[in-house]
Amino acid sequence: MSETSIESWDGLLTNYLKAGSVKDEQIPYICIGVKVNEKEMELELEQGGEKTFFSLNVTNKLFLKENGISAPKLVIGKKIFFRKVKATNPQTKKEVDSLRISKIK
């Protein structure tokens, strides 16, 4: 991943994976990088030549841990599959489309 600085837009303009982006739950995204700071974890993904980023919530982090990923760096190179779910937005208290990791290979 690119270093973020005041000298470049690299790392500041990123394409985040959204529920509407996942058209088929059987198509894998390949993890090509991991960014971890404090309690946050973000995956850099590639699918069909397009790079996207995905910020993991607690549910998705636990899924990885419970499915054999003993350290964040070990998800690199894995195929990740997503499914669409409804989740409550903590700020608005309304249901919104969200993504959950459904399997990892």
Protein backbone atom coordinates (compact mmCIF):
# COMPACT_ATOMS: atom_id res chain seq x y z
CA MET A 1 0.00 0.00 0.00
CA SER A 2 1.15 3.53 -0.67
CA GLU A 3 2.38 5.76 2.11
CA THR A 4 0.06 8.66 2.86
CA SER A 5 1.65 12.10 3.02
CA ILE A 6 0.95 15.74 2.26
CA GLU A 7 3.10 15.38 -0.87
CA SER A 8 0.76 13.02 -2.73
CA TRP A 9 -2.85 11.94 -3.08
CA ASP A 10 -1.70 8.30 -2.92
CA GLY A 11 -3.42 6.54 -0.06
CA LEU A 12 -6.03 9.29 0.35
CA LEU A 13 -8.32 8.56 -2.59
CA THR A 14 -9.28 4.95 -2.16
CA ASN A 15 -12.04 2.80 -3.57
CA TYR A 16 -13.86 1.04 -0.73
CA LEU A 17 -15.82 -2.15 -1.28
CA LYS A 18 -19.53 -1.57 -0.70
CA ALA A 19 -22.48 -3.95 -0.57
CA GLY A 20 -23.67 -2.72 -3.97
CA SER A 21 -20.32 -3.65 -5.50
CA VAL A 22 -20.71 -7.37 -4.74
CA LYS A 23 -22.81 -8.73 -7.61
CA ASP A 24 -22.15 -12.45 -7.06
CA GLU A 25 -21.38 -13.97 -3.68
CA GLN A 26 -19.45 -16.79 -5.40
CA ILE A 27 -16.81 -14.46 -6.87
CA PRO A 28 -13.70 -14.24 -4.67
CA TYR A 29 -11.68 -11.16 -3.84
CA ILE A 30 -7.96 -11.82 -3.40
CA CYS A 31 -6.34 -10.14 -0.40
CA ILE A 32 -3.15 -8.45 -1.62
CA GLY A 33 -2.39 -6.37 1.47
CA VAL A 34 -3.33 -5.66 5.07
CA LYS A 35 -3.16 -2.39 6.97
CA VAL A 36 -3.44 -2.47 10.77
CA ASN A 37 -3.28 0.44 13.19
CA GLU A 38 -4.48 0.49 16.79
CA LYS A 39 -7.81 -1.40 16.64
CA GLU A 40 -8.50 -0.89 12.93
CA MET A 41 -7.85 -3.41 10.17
CA GLU A 42 -8.24 -2.81 6.45
CA LEU A 43 -7.80 -5.28 3.62
CA GLU A 44 -6.51 -4.36 0.18
CA LEU A 45 -8.40 -6.54 -2.28
CA GLU A 46 -8.17 -7.32 -5.98
CA GLN A 47 -10.94 -8.70 -8.15
CA GLY A 48 -10.97 -8.63 -11.93
CA GLY A 49 -7.97 -6.32 -12.10
CA GLU A 50 -9.64 -3.72 -9.87
CA LYS A 51 -8.27 -2.84 -6.42
CA THR A 52 -10.57 -2.01 -3.53
CA PHE A 53 -10.25 -1.65 0.22
CA PHE A 54 -12.42 -3.16 2.93
CA SER A 55 -12.45 -2.01 6.56
CA LEU A 56 -13.20 -4.90 8.88
CA ASN A 57 -15.67 -4.59 11.71
CA VAL A 58 -15.45 -6.79 14.81
CA THR A 59 -17.71 -9.47 13.27
CA ASN A 60 -15.50 -9.83 10.20
CA LYS A 61 -12.28 -9.82 12.26
CA LEU A 62 -13.69 -12.59 14.47
CA PHE A 63 -14.71 -14.58 11.38
CA LEU A 64 -11.12 -14.52 10.12
CA LYS A 65 -9.71 -15.49 13.51
CA GLU A 66 -12.23 -18.31 14.01
CA ASN A 67 -11.49 -19.65 10.52
CA GLY A 68 -7.79 -20.27 10.93
CA ILE A 69 -6.23 -16.84 10.35
CA SER A 70 -4.04 -16.68 13.47
CA ALA A 71 -2.47 -13.30 12.55
CA PRO A 72 -3.69 -10.49 10.26
CA LYS A 73 -0.78 -10.90 7.82
CA LEU A 74 -1.84 -14.49 7.11
CA VAL A 75 -4.93 -13.32 5.20
CA ILE A 76 -2.68 -12.03 2.39
CA GLY A 77 -3.03 -14.26 -0.66
CA LYS A 78 -6.34 -15.74 0.50
CA LYS A 79 -9.57 -15.73 -1.50
CA ILE A 80 -12.31 -13.92 0.42
CA PHE A 81 -16.01 -14.29 -0.36
CA PHE A 82 -18.63 -11.79 0.81
CA ARG A 83 -22.36 -11.95 1.36
CA LYS A 84 -24.76 -9.06 1.69
CA VAL A 85 -26.49 -8.56 5.02
CA LYS A 86 -28.59 -5.93 6.76
CA ALA A 87 -26.91 -4.14 9.66
CA THR A 88 -27.92 -1.26 11.91
CA ASN A 89 -25.99 1.96 11.34
CA PRO A 90 -24.91 3.06 14.84
CA GLN A 91 -25.32 6.76 14.04
CA THR A 92 -28.71 6.70 12.29
CA LYS A 93 -30.10 3.54 13.96
CA LYS A 94 -31.44 2.52 10.53
CA GLU A 95 -30.87 -0.74 8.70
CA VAL A 96 -28.37 -0.49 5.85
CA ASP A 97 -26.80 -2.92 3.41
CA SER A 98 -23.49 -4.27 4.65
CA LEU A 99 -21.00 -7.02 3.84
CA ARG A 100 -19.92 -10.04 5.85
CA ILE A 101 -17.16 -12.41 5.00
CA SER A 102 -18.88 -15.70 4.19
CA LYS A 103 -15.84 -17.90 3.53
CA ILE A 104 -12.11 -17.79 3.04
CA LYS A 105 -9.91 -20.14 1.00
